[in-house]
Structure formats: structure tokens, C-alpha cells
Amino acid sequence: MGVVTPRTATFPKQDRSRATRRRLLEAAVACLAERGWGGSTVAVVAERAGVSRGAAQHHFRTREDLFTAAIEHVAEEWLATLREHARTLPDSGVPRTRAVVEMLVGVYTGALFRAALHLWVAAADEVQLRPRVVALESRIGREAHRLAVEFLGADETVPGVRETVQATLDMARGLGLATLLRDDTPRRTAIVREWSRILDSALRRDG
């Protein structure tokens, strides 16, 4: 039987700490998506994560710390999932363009966008929250744009291409907003189909 030294004993403790932090982050996103900013307190998140409020405050000193970290954490997972999913995209042409547009629209119709939207709206009134959310939104927006350019094979040196890619992301966000109130799948599918055709033509016109 091995001897447990102070150094080796810290590893399980660190693992538990990481697991607790992850549960808190995932619970925070779920609470935001379901309850909004007003109904999402540290105590509510801690209860959902199955930890004490004290444990939650050990990891995150303030409510703002918790929820901005939660959106950032899930956004990083989302970006990693997109990169993985990109490996299965069609090779080229309209089928690839449509698959990329559908993938981007899917992001803005999921729980992450719903949770982030509540945080964005809260930041308009919460002075302490606003600088963090502005910085986070800028970082996520830049990365989303970069991945869209990469997946679409877009050449942004061609006039108008950068704006067209950004318009695609803005359209996806707008479709996500429409989905908040009701299932808009038939209309969304038709828009994605037509925009994919227009986008592919715009990307290839000088190719």
C-alpha cells in the first residue's frame, strides 16, 4: 500500500475543486437561460449545482464574477465543438456554405445564446457588469467571425466579403432572437437556404 504524501493528497482535492467549479459554471448558464438575470442569484446557482453557497463564493467572489465566467466557459466549449464539427462539413460549394450557415444559426438558437442574452440585457443597467460583458462579447464576436471566415474559406481581401461574413453572423443572431418567443423553424429553414445561396455566390464571384 502506497504512502500518501501531502503532495499526492492534493491531487484529489484539486480534482474535486475543478469539478465543483465546472458544476457551478454550468448551473449558472442553465439558470440564466431559464430564469434570467433577476432570478439567477449565487444561492440559486449553488443549490442547482449541489454545493453550498460558501463553496460557490470560494470560487467566485461576486455574482458578476460567476456569471461572466460561466458564459466565457460555455463559449469556449462552444468554440471547441464548432472546430470539431467543422471536420464533418462538405468539402466545398453551396452544400458546405449552407452547412456552415446552419451551424452558426444553431449556435444562436441554443441555451448558450439565451443565457448570454440575459447577461447582455442586464449589463445595460448594471454598471459593475457592463465592462466585463462588453469585453467578453467583443472577444467571442471576434472568434466567431474568425471561425466563420475559416469555415467558409472566405477571402476578406476582396471588397465586401468581410461585411458579408459579418452580415451572416448578424442574421444568425437575429434568427436566434426570433426563436426566443416561438418555434420559427420553417421560416428559419427557408431563410438559411436562400441566404446560403446568396452567400456562396458572393464568396465565389471573384474566386
C-alpha atoms as a PDB file:
ATOM      1  CA  MET A   1       0.000   0.000   0.000  1.00  0.00           C
ATOM      2  CA  GLY A   2       1.489   3.357  -1.040  1.00  0.00           C
ATOM      3  CA  VAL A   3       2.138   6.183   1.341  1.00  0.00           C
ATOM      4  CA  VAL A   4       0.011   9.259   0.794  1.00  0.00           C
ATOM      5  CA  THR A   5       2.253  12.300   0.947  1.00  0.00           C
ATOM      6  CA  PRO A   6       0.971  15.871   1.275  1.00  0.00           C
ATOM      7  CA  ARG A   7       1.802  16.402  -2.409  1.00  0.00           C
ATOM      8  CA  THR A   8      -0.142  13.374  -3.686  1.00  0.00           C
ATOM      9  CA  ALA A   9      -3.038  14.116  -1.329  1.00  0.00           C
ATOM     10  CA  THR A  10      -3.605  17.475  -3.021  1.00  0.00           C
ATOM     11  CA  PHE A  11      -4.485  15.932  -6.381  1.00  0.00           C
ATOM     12  CA  PRO A  12      -7.926  14.525  -5.392  1.00  0.00           C
ATOM     13  CA  LYS A  13      -8.664  17.823  -3.654  1.00  0.00           C
ATOM     14  CA  GLN A  14      -7.744  19.770  -6.799  1.00  0.00           C
ATOM     15  CA  ASP A  15      -9.899  17.433  -8.889  1.00  0.00           C
ATOM     16  CA  ARG A  16     -12.850  17.996  -6.573  1.00  0.00           C
ATOM     17  CA  SER A  17     -12.306  21.743  -6.727  1.00  0.00           C
ATOM     18  CA  ARG A  18     -12.250  21.721 -10.531  1.00  0.00           C
ATOM     19  CA  ALA A  19     -15.387  19.560 -10.631  1.00  0.00           C
ATOM     20  CA  THR A  20     -17.185  21.920  -8.246  1.00  0.00           C
ATOM     21  CA  ARG A  21     -16.189  24.931 -10.319  1.00  0.00           C
ATOM     22  CA  ARG A  22     -17.426  23.275 -13.500  1.00  0.00           C
ATOM     23  CA  ARG A  23     -20.786  22.393 -11.912  1.00  0.00           C
ATOM     24  CA  LEU A  24     -21.194  25.991 -10.791  1.00  0.00           C
ATOM     25  CA  LEU A  25     -20.415  27.363 -14.249  1.00  0.00           C
ATOM     26  CA  GLU A  26     -22.827  25.003 -15.993  1.00  0.00           C
ATOM     27  CA  ALA A  27     -25.533  25.651 -13.402  1.00  0.00           C
ATOM     28  CA  ALA A  28     -25.078  29.406 -13.817  1.00  0.00           C
ATOM     29  CA  VAL A  29     -25.659  29.204 -17.582  1.00  0.00           C
ATOM     30  CA  ALA A  30     -28.715  26.990 -17.096  1.00  0.00           C
ATOM     31  CA  CYS A  31     -30.159  29.394 -14.509  1.00  0.00           C
ATOM     32  CA  LEU A  32     -29.600  32.405 -16.755  1.00  0.00           C
ATOM     33  CA  ALA A  33     -31.275  30.668 -19.684  1.00  0.00           C
ATOM     34  CA  GLU A  34     -34.280  29.611 -17.592  1.00  0.00           C
ATOM     35  CA  ARG A  35     -34.675  32.394 -15.009  1.00  0.00           C
ATOM     36  CA  GLY A  36     -32.937  35.428 -16.476  1.00  0.00           C
ATOM     37  CA  TRP A  37     -30.638  37.758 -14.571  1.00  0.00           C
ATOM     38  CA  GLY A  38     -33.225  38.767 -11.985  1.00  0.00           C
ATOM     39  CA  GLY A  39     -33.922  35.184 -10.934  1.00  0.00           C
ATOM     40  CA  SER A  40     -30.331  33.970 -11.001  1.00  0.00           C
ATOM     41  CA  THR A  41     -28.556  34.534  -7.703  1.00  0.00           C
ATOM     42  CA  VAL A  42     -25.453  32.860  -6.330  1.00  0.00           C
ATOM     43  CA  ALA A  43     -27.654  30.952  -3.876  1.00  0.00           C
ATOM     44  CA  VAL A  44     -29.904  29.651  -6.667  1.00  0.00           C
ATOM     45  CA  VAL A  45     -26.911  28.557  -8.730  1.00  0.00           C
ATOM     46  CA  ALA A  46     -25.257  26.883  -5.745  1.00  0.00           C
ATOM     47  CA  GLU A  47     -28.422  24.918  -4.990  1.00  0.00           C
ATOM     48  CA  ARG A  48     -28.712  23.794  -8.600  1.00  0.00           C
ATOM     49  CA  ALA A  49     -25.045  22.775  -8.650  1.00  0.00           C
ATOM     50  CA  GLY A  50     -25.458  20.838  -5.408  1.00  0.00           C
ATOM     51  CA  VAL A  51     -22.908  22.852  -3.424  1.00  0.00           C
ATOM     52  CA  SER A  52     -23.095  25.252  -0.505  1.00  0.00           C
ATOM     53  CA  ARG A  53     -23.272  28.996  -1.019  1.00  0.00           C
ATOM     54  CA  GLY A  54     -19.965  29.270   0.821  1.00  0.00           C
ATOM     55  CA  ALA A  55     -18.334  26.889  -1.649  1.00  0.00           C
ATOM     56  CA  ALA A  56     -19.697  28.952  -4.533  1.00  0.00           C
ATOM     57  CA  GLN A  57     -18.312  32.154  -3.053  1.00  0.00           C
ATOM     58  CA  HIS A  58     -14.966  30.462  -2.518  1.00  0.00           C
ATOM     59  CA  HIS A  59     -14.707  30.032  -6.298  1.00  0.00           C
ATOM     60  CA  PHE A  60     -16.425  33.277  -7.305  1.00  0.00           C
ATOM     61  CA  ARG A  61     -16.316  36.291  -5.009  1.00  0.00           C
ATOM     62  CA  THR A  62     -19.178  38.132  -6.667  1.00  0.00           C
ATOM     63  CA  ARG A  63     -22.262  37.423  -8.724  1.00  0.00           C
ATOM     64  CA  GLU A  64     -20.668  39.235 -11.672  1.00  0.00           C
ATOM     65  CA  ASP A  65     -17.577  37.015 -11.423  1.00  0.00           C
ATOM     66  CA  LEU A  66     -19.711  33.889 -11.520  1.00  0.00           C
ATOM     67  CA  PHE A  67     -21.907  34.727 -14.491  1.00  0.00           C
ATOM     68  CA  THR A  68     -19.280  36.265 -16.747  1.00  0.00           C
ATOM     69  CA  ALA A  69     -17.014  33.274 -16.062  1.00  0.00           C
ATOM     70  CA  ALA A  70     -19.922  30.945 -16.834  1.00  0.00           C
ATOM     71  CA  ILE A  71     -20.636  32.484 -20.240  1.00  0.00           C
ATOM     72  CA  GLU A  72     -16.931  32.504 -21.077  1.00  0.00           C
ATOM     73  CA  HIS A  73     -16.577  28.847 -20.043  1.00  0.00           C
ATOM     74  CA  VAL A  74     -19.502  27.659 -22.146  1.00  0.00           C
ATOM     75  CA  ALA A  75     -18.452  29.857 -25.064  1.00  0.00           C
ATOM     76  CA  GLU A  76     -15.041  28.173 -25.065  1.00  0.00           C
ATOM     77  CA  GLU A  77     -16.747  24.789 -25.138  1.00  0.00           C
ATOM     78  CA  TRP A  78     -18.967  26.016 -27.965  1.00  0.00           C
ATOM     79  CA  LEU A  79     -15.949  27.145 -29.988  1.00  0.00           C
ATOM     80  CA  ALA A  80     -14.238  23.795 -29.436  1.00  0.00           C
ATOM     81  CA  THR A  81     -17.413  21.998 -30.571  1.00  0.00           C
ATOM     82  CA  LEU A  82     -17.571  24.128 -33.720  1.00  0.00           C
ATOM     83  CA  ARG A  83     -13.976  23.292 -34.574  1.00  0.00           C
ATOM     84  CA  GLU A  84     -14.698  19.604 -34.112  1.00  0.00           C
ATOM     85  CA  HIS A  85     -17.905  19.779 -36.133  1.00  0.00           C
ATOM     86  CA  ALA A  86     -16.084  21.577 -38.954  1.00  0.00           C
ATOM     87  CA  ARG A  87     -14.253  18.337 -39.730  1.00  0.00           C
ATOM     88  CA  THR A  88     -17.512  16.810 -40.965  1.00  0.00           C
ATOM     89  CA  LEU A  89     -18.523  19.683 -43.257  1.00  0.00           C
ATOM     90  CA  PRO A  90     -18.893  19.061 -47.004  1.00  0.00           C
ATOM     91  CA  ASP A  91     -15.741  19.855 -48.947  1.00  0.00           C
ATOM     92  CA  SER A  92     -16.911  22.823 -50.980  1.00  0.00           C
ATOM     93  CA  GLY A  93     -19.634  24.670 -52.823  1.00  0.00           C
ATOM     94  CA  VAL A  94     -23.157  25.529 -51.747  1.00  0.00           C
ATOM     95  CA  PRO A  95     -23.506  22.368 -49.578  1.00  0.00           C
ATOM     96  CA  ARG A  96     -20.544  23.485 -47.431  1.00  0.00           C
ATOM     97  CA  THR A  97     -21.742  27.085 -47.274  1.00  0.00           C
ATOM     98  CA  ARG A  98     -25.203  26.004 -46.185  1.00  0.00           C
ATOM     99  CA  ALA A  99     -23.766  23.607 -43.589  1.00  0.00           C
ATOM    100  CA  VAL A 100     -21.665  26.439 -42.125  1.00  0.00           C
ATOM    101  CA  VAL A 101     -24.637  28.814 -42.019  1.00  0.00           C
ATOM    102  CA  GLU A 102     -26.801  26.149 -40.354  1.00  0.00           C
ATOM    103  CA  MET A 103     -24.046  25.520 -37.814  1.00  0.00           C
ATOM    104  CA  LEU A 104     -23.780  29.218 -36.960  1.00  0.00           C
ATOM    105  CA  VAL A 105     -27.544  29.655 -36.730  1.00  0.00           C
ATOM    106  CA  GLY A 106     -27.663  26.618 -34.442  1.00  0.00           C
ATOM    107  CA  VAL A 107     -25.375  28.398 -32.005  1.00  0.00           C
ATOM    108  CA  TYR A 108     -27.736  31.363 -31.761  1.00  0.00           C
ATOM    109  CA  THR A 109     -30.801  29.205 -31.186  1.00  0.00           C
ATOM    110  CA  GLY A 110     -29.348  27.263 -28.246  1.00  0.00           C
ATOM    111  CA  ALA A 111     -29.196  27.662 -24.465  1.00  0.00           C
ATOM    112  CA  LEU A 112     -25.856  29.500 -24.553  1.00  0.00           C
ATOM    113  CA  PHE A 113     -27.281  32.358 -26.618  1.00  0.00           C
ATOM    114  CA  ARG A 114     -30.370  32.567 -24.420  1.00  0.00           C
ATOM    115  CA  ALA A 115     -28.198  32.782 -21.305  1.00  0.00           C
ATOM    116  CA  ALA A 116     -25.785  35.266 -22.871  1.00  0.00           C
ATOM    117  CA  LEU A 117     -28.680  37.457 -23.981  1.00  0.00           C
ATOM    118  CA  HIS A 118     -29.936  37.771 -20.399  1.00  0.00           C
ATOM    119  CA  LEU A 119     -26.433  38.771 -19.323  1.00  0.00           C
ATOM    120  CA  TRP A 120     -26.169  41.302 -22.162  1.00  0.00           C
ATOM    121  CA  VAL A 121     -29.500  42.905 -21.211  1.00  0.00           C
ATOM    122  CA  ALA A 122     -28.526  43.042 -17.536  1.00  0.00           C
ATOM    123  CA  ALA A 123     -25.257  44.745 -18.465  1.00  0.00           C
ATOM    124  CA  ALA A 124     -27.192  47.668 -19.917  1.00  0.00           C
ATOM    125  CA  ASP A 125     -28.319  48.586 -16.379  1.00  0.00           C
ATOM    126  CA  GLU A 126     -25.631  47.036 -14.144  1.00  0.00           C
ATOM    127  CA  VAL A 127     -22.635  49.380 -14.093  1.00  0.00           C
ATOM    128  CA  GLN A 128     -20.326  46.796 -12.480  1.00  0.00           C
ATOM    129  CA  LEU A 129     -21.283  44.160 -15.010  1.00  0.00           C
ATOM    130  CA  ARG A 130     -21.120  46.237 -18.188  1.00  0.00           C
ATOM    131  CA  PRO A 131     -17.317  46.464 -18.781  1.00  0.00           C
ATOM    132  CA  ARG A 132     -16.916  42.708 -18.316  1.00  0.00           C
ATOM    133  CA  VAL A 133     -19.743  41.860 -20.677  1.00  0.00           C
ATOM    134  CA  VAL A 134     -18.564  44.337 -23.331  1.00  0.00           C
ATOM    135  CA  ALA A 135     -15.073  42.811 -23.258  1.00  0.00           C
ATOM    136  CA  LEU A 136     -16.449  39.264 -23.292  1.00  0.00           C
ATOM    137  CA  GLU A 137     -18.849  39.973 -26.160  1.00  0.00           C
ATOM    138  CA  SER A 138     -16.037  41.523 -28.206  1.00  0.00           C
ATOM    139  CA  ARG A 139     -13.774  38.537 -27.651  1.00  0.00           C
ATOM    140  CA  ILE A 140     -16.455  35.972 -28.504  1.00  0.00           C
ATOM    141  CA  GLY A 141     -17.555  38.032 -31.513  1.00  0.00           C
ATOM    142  CA  ARG A 142     -14.033  38.211 -32.924  1.00  0.00           C
ATOM    143  CA  GLU A 143     -13.524  34.482 -32.535  1.00  0.00           C
ATOM    144  CA  ALA A 144     -16.895  33.660 -34.074  1.00  0.00           C
ATOM    145  CA  HIS A 145     -16.052  35.875 -37.057  1.00  0.00           C
ATOM    146  CA  ARG A 146     -12.621  34.287 -37.430  1.00  0.00           C
ATOM    147  CA  LEU A 147     -14.088  30.779 -37.416  1.00  0.00           C
ATOM    148  CA  ALA A 148     -16.810  31.758 -39.900  1.00  0.00           C
ATOM    149  CA  VAL A 149     -14.142  33.097 -42.273  1.00  0.00           C
ATOM    150  CA  GLU A 150     -12.095  29.924 -41.856  1.00  0.00           C
ATOM    151  CA  PHE A 151     -15.008  27.522 -42.366  1.00  0.00           C
ATOM    152  CA  LEU A 152     -16.374  29.443 -45.351  1.00  0.00           C
ATOM    153  CA  GLY A 153     -12.962  29.769 -46.971  1.00  0.00           C
ATOM    154  CA  ALA A 154     -13.687  33.484 -47.336  1.00  0.00           C
ATOM    155  CA  ASP A 155     -11.077  35.864 -48.753  1.00  0.00           C
ATOM    156  CA  GLU A 156     -11.516  39.093 -46.809  1.00  0.00           C
ATOM    157  CA  THR A 157      -9.145  40.985 -49.094  1.00  0.00           C
ATOM    158  CA  VAL A 158     -11.991  41.005 -51.627  1.00  0.00           C
ATOM    159  CA  PRO A 159     -14.135  44.131 -51.132  1.00  0.00           C
ATOM    160  CA  GLY A 160     -17.391  43.383 -49.357  1.00  0.00           C
ATOM    161  CA  VAL A 161     -16.524  39.868 -48.201  1.00  0.00           C
ATOM    162  CA  ARG A 162     -15.771  40.806 -44.602  1.00  0.00           C
ATOM    163  CA  GLU A 163     -19.072  42.666 -44.337  1.00  0.00           C
ATOM    164  CA  THR A 164     -20.933  39.740 -45.920  1.00  0.00           C
ATOM    165  CA  VAL A 165     -19.496  37.307 -43.376  1.00  0.00           C
ATOM    166  CA  GLN A 166     -20.435  39.667 -40.548  1.00  0.00           C
ATOM    167  CA  ALA A 167     -23.919  40.011 -42.005  1.00  0.00           C
ATOM    168  CA  THR A 168     -24.216  36.224 -41.801  1.00  0.00           C
ATOM    169  CA  LEU A 169     -23.416  36.293 -38.087  1.00  0.00           C
ATOM    170  CA  ASP A 170     -25.806  39.210 -37.531  1.00  0.00           C
ATOM    171  CA  MET A 171     -28.536  37.323 -39.396  1.00  0.00           C
ATOM    172  CA  ALA A 172     -27.914  34.233 -37.263  1.00  0.00           C
ATOM    173  CA  ARG A 173     -28.240  36.357 -34.134  1.00  0.00           C
ATOM    174  CA  GLY A 174     -31.495  37.850 -35.391  1.00  0.00           C
ATOM    175  CA  LEU A 175     -32.923  34.412 -36.114  1.00  0.00           C
ATOM    176  CA  GLY A 176     -31.924  33.413 -32.598  1.00  0.00           C
ATOM    177  CA  LEU A 177     -33.877  36.336 -31.165  1.00  0.00           C
ATOM    178  CA  ALA A 178     -36.948  35.358 -33.183  1.00  0.00           C
ATOM    179  CA  THR A 179     -36.741  31.846 -31.739  1.00  0.00           C
ATOM    180  CA  LEU A 180     -36.943  33.117 -28.144  1.00  0.00           C
ATOM    181  CA  LEU A 181     -40.696  33.665 -28.343  1.00  0.00           C
ATOM    182  CA  ARG A 182     -41.854  30.869 -30.618  1.00  0.00           C
ATOM    183  CA  ASP A 183     -40.665  27.994 -32.759  1.00  0.00           C
ATOM    184  CA  ASP A 184     -39.783  29.631 -36.050  1.00  0.00           C
ATOM    185  CA  THR A 185     -38.220  26.576 -37.694  1.00  0.00           C
ATOM    186  CA  PRO A 186     -40.000  26.621 -41.112  1.00  0.00           C
ATOM    187  CA  ARG A 187     -39.268  30.313 -41.698  1.00  0.00           C
ATOM    188  CA  ARG A 188     -35.721  29.975 -40.391  1.00  0.00           C
ATOM    189  CA  THR A 189     -35.029  26.997 -42.660  1.00  0.00           C
ATOM    190  CA  ALA A 190     -36.217  28.905 -45.733  1.00  0.00           C
ATOM    191  CA  ILE A 191     -34.098  31.948 -44.840  1.00  0.00           C
ATOM    192  CA  VAL A 192     -30.998  29.832 -44.229  1.00  0.00           C
ATOM    193  CA  ARG A 193     -31.461  28.071 -47.568  1.00  0.00           C
ATOM    194  CA  GLU A 194     -31.805  31.299 -49.540  1.00  0.00           C
ATOM    195  CA  TRP A 195     -29.062  33.175 -47.669  1.00  0.00           C
ATOM    196  CA  SER A 196     -26.661  30.277 -48.175  1.00  0.00           C
ATOM    197  CA  ARG A 197     -27.172  30.531 -51.925  1.00  0.00           C
ATOM    198  CA  ILE A 198     -26.614  34.307 -51.896  1.00  0.00           C
ATOM    199  CA  LEU A 199     -23.604  33.998 -49.600  1.00  0.00           C
ATOM    200  CA  ASP A 200     -21.950  31.312 -51.693  1.00  0.00           C
ATOM    201  CA  SER A 201     -22.383  33.429 -54.824  1.00  0.00           C
ATOM    202  CA  ALA A 202     -20.871  36.453 -53.066  1.00  0.00           C
ATOM    203  CA  LEU A 203     -17.895  34.467 -51.809  1.00  0.00           C
ATOM    204  CA  ARG A 204     -17.114  32.878 -55.182  1.00  0.00           C
ATOM    205  CA  ARG A 205     -17.751  35.768 -57.541  1.00  0.00           C
ATOM    206  CA  ASP A 206     -14.076  36.716 -57.581  1.00  0.00           C
ATOM    207  CA  GLY A 207     -12.779  33.229 -56.897  1.00  0.00           C
END
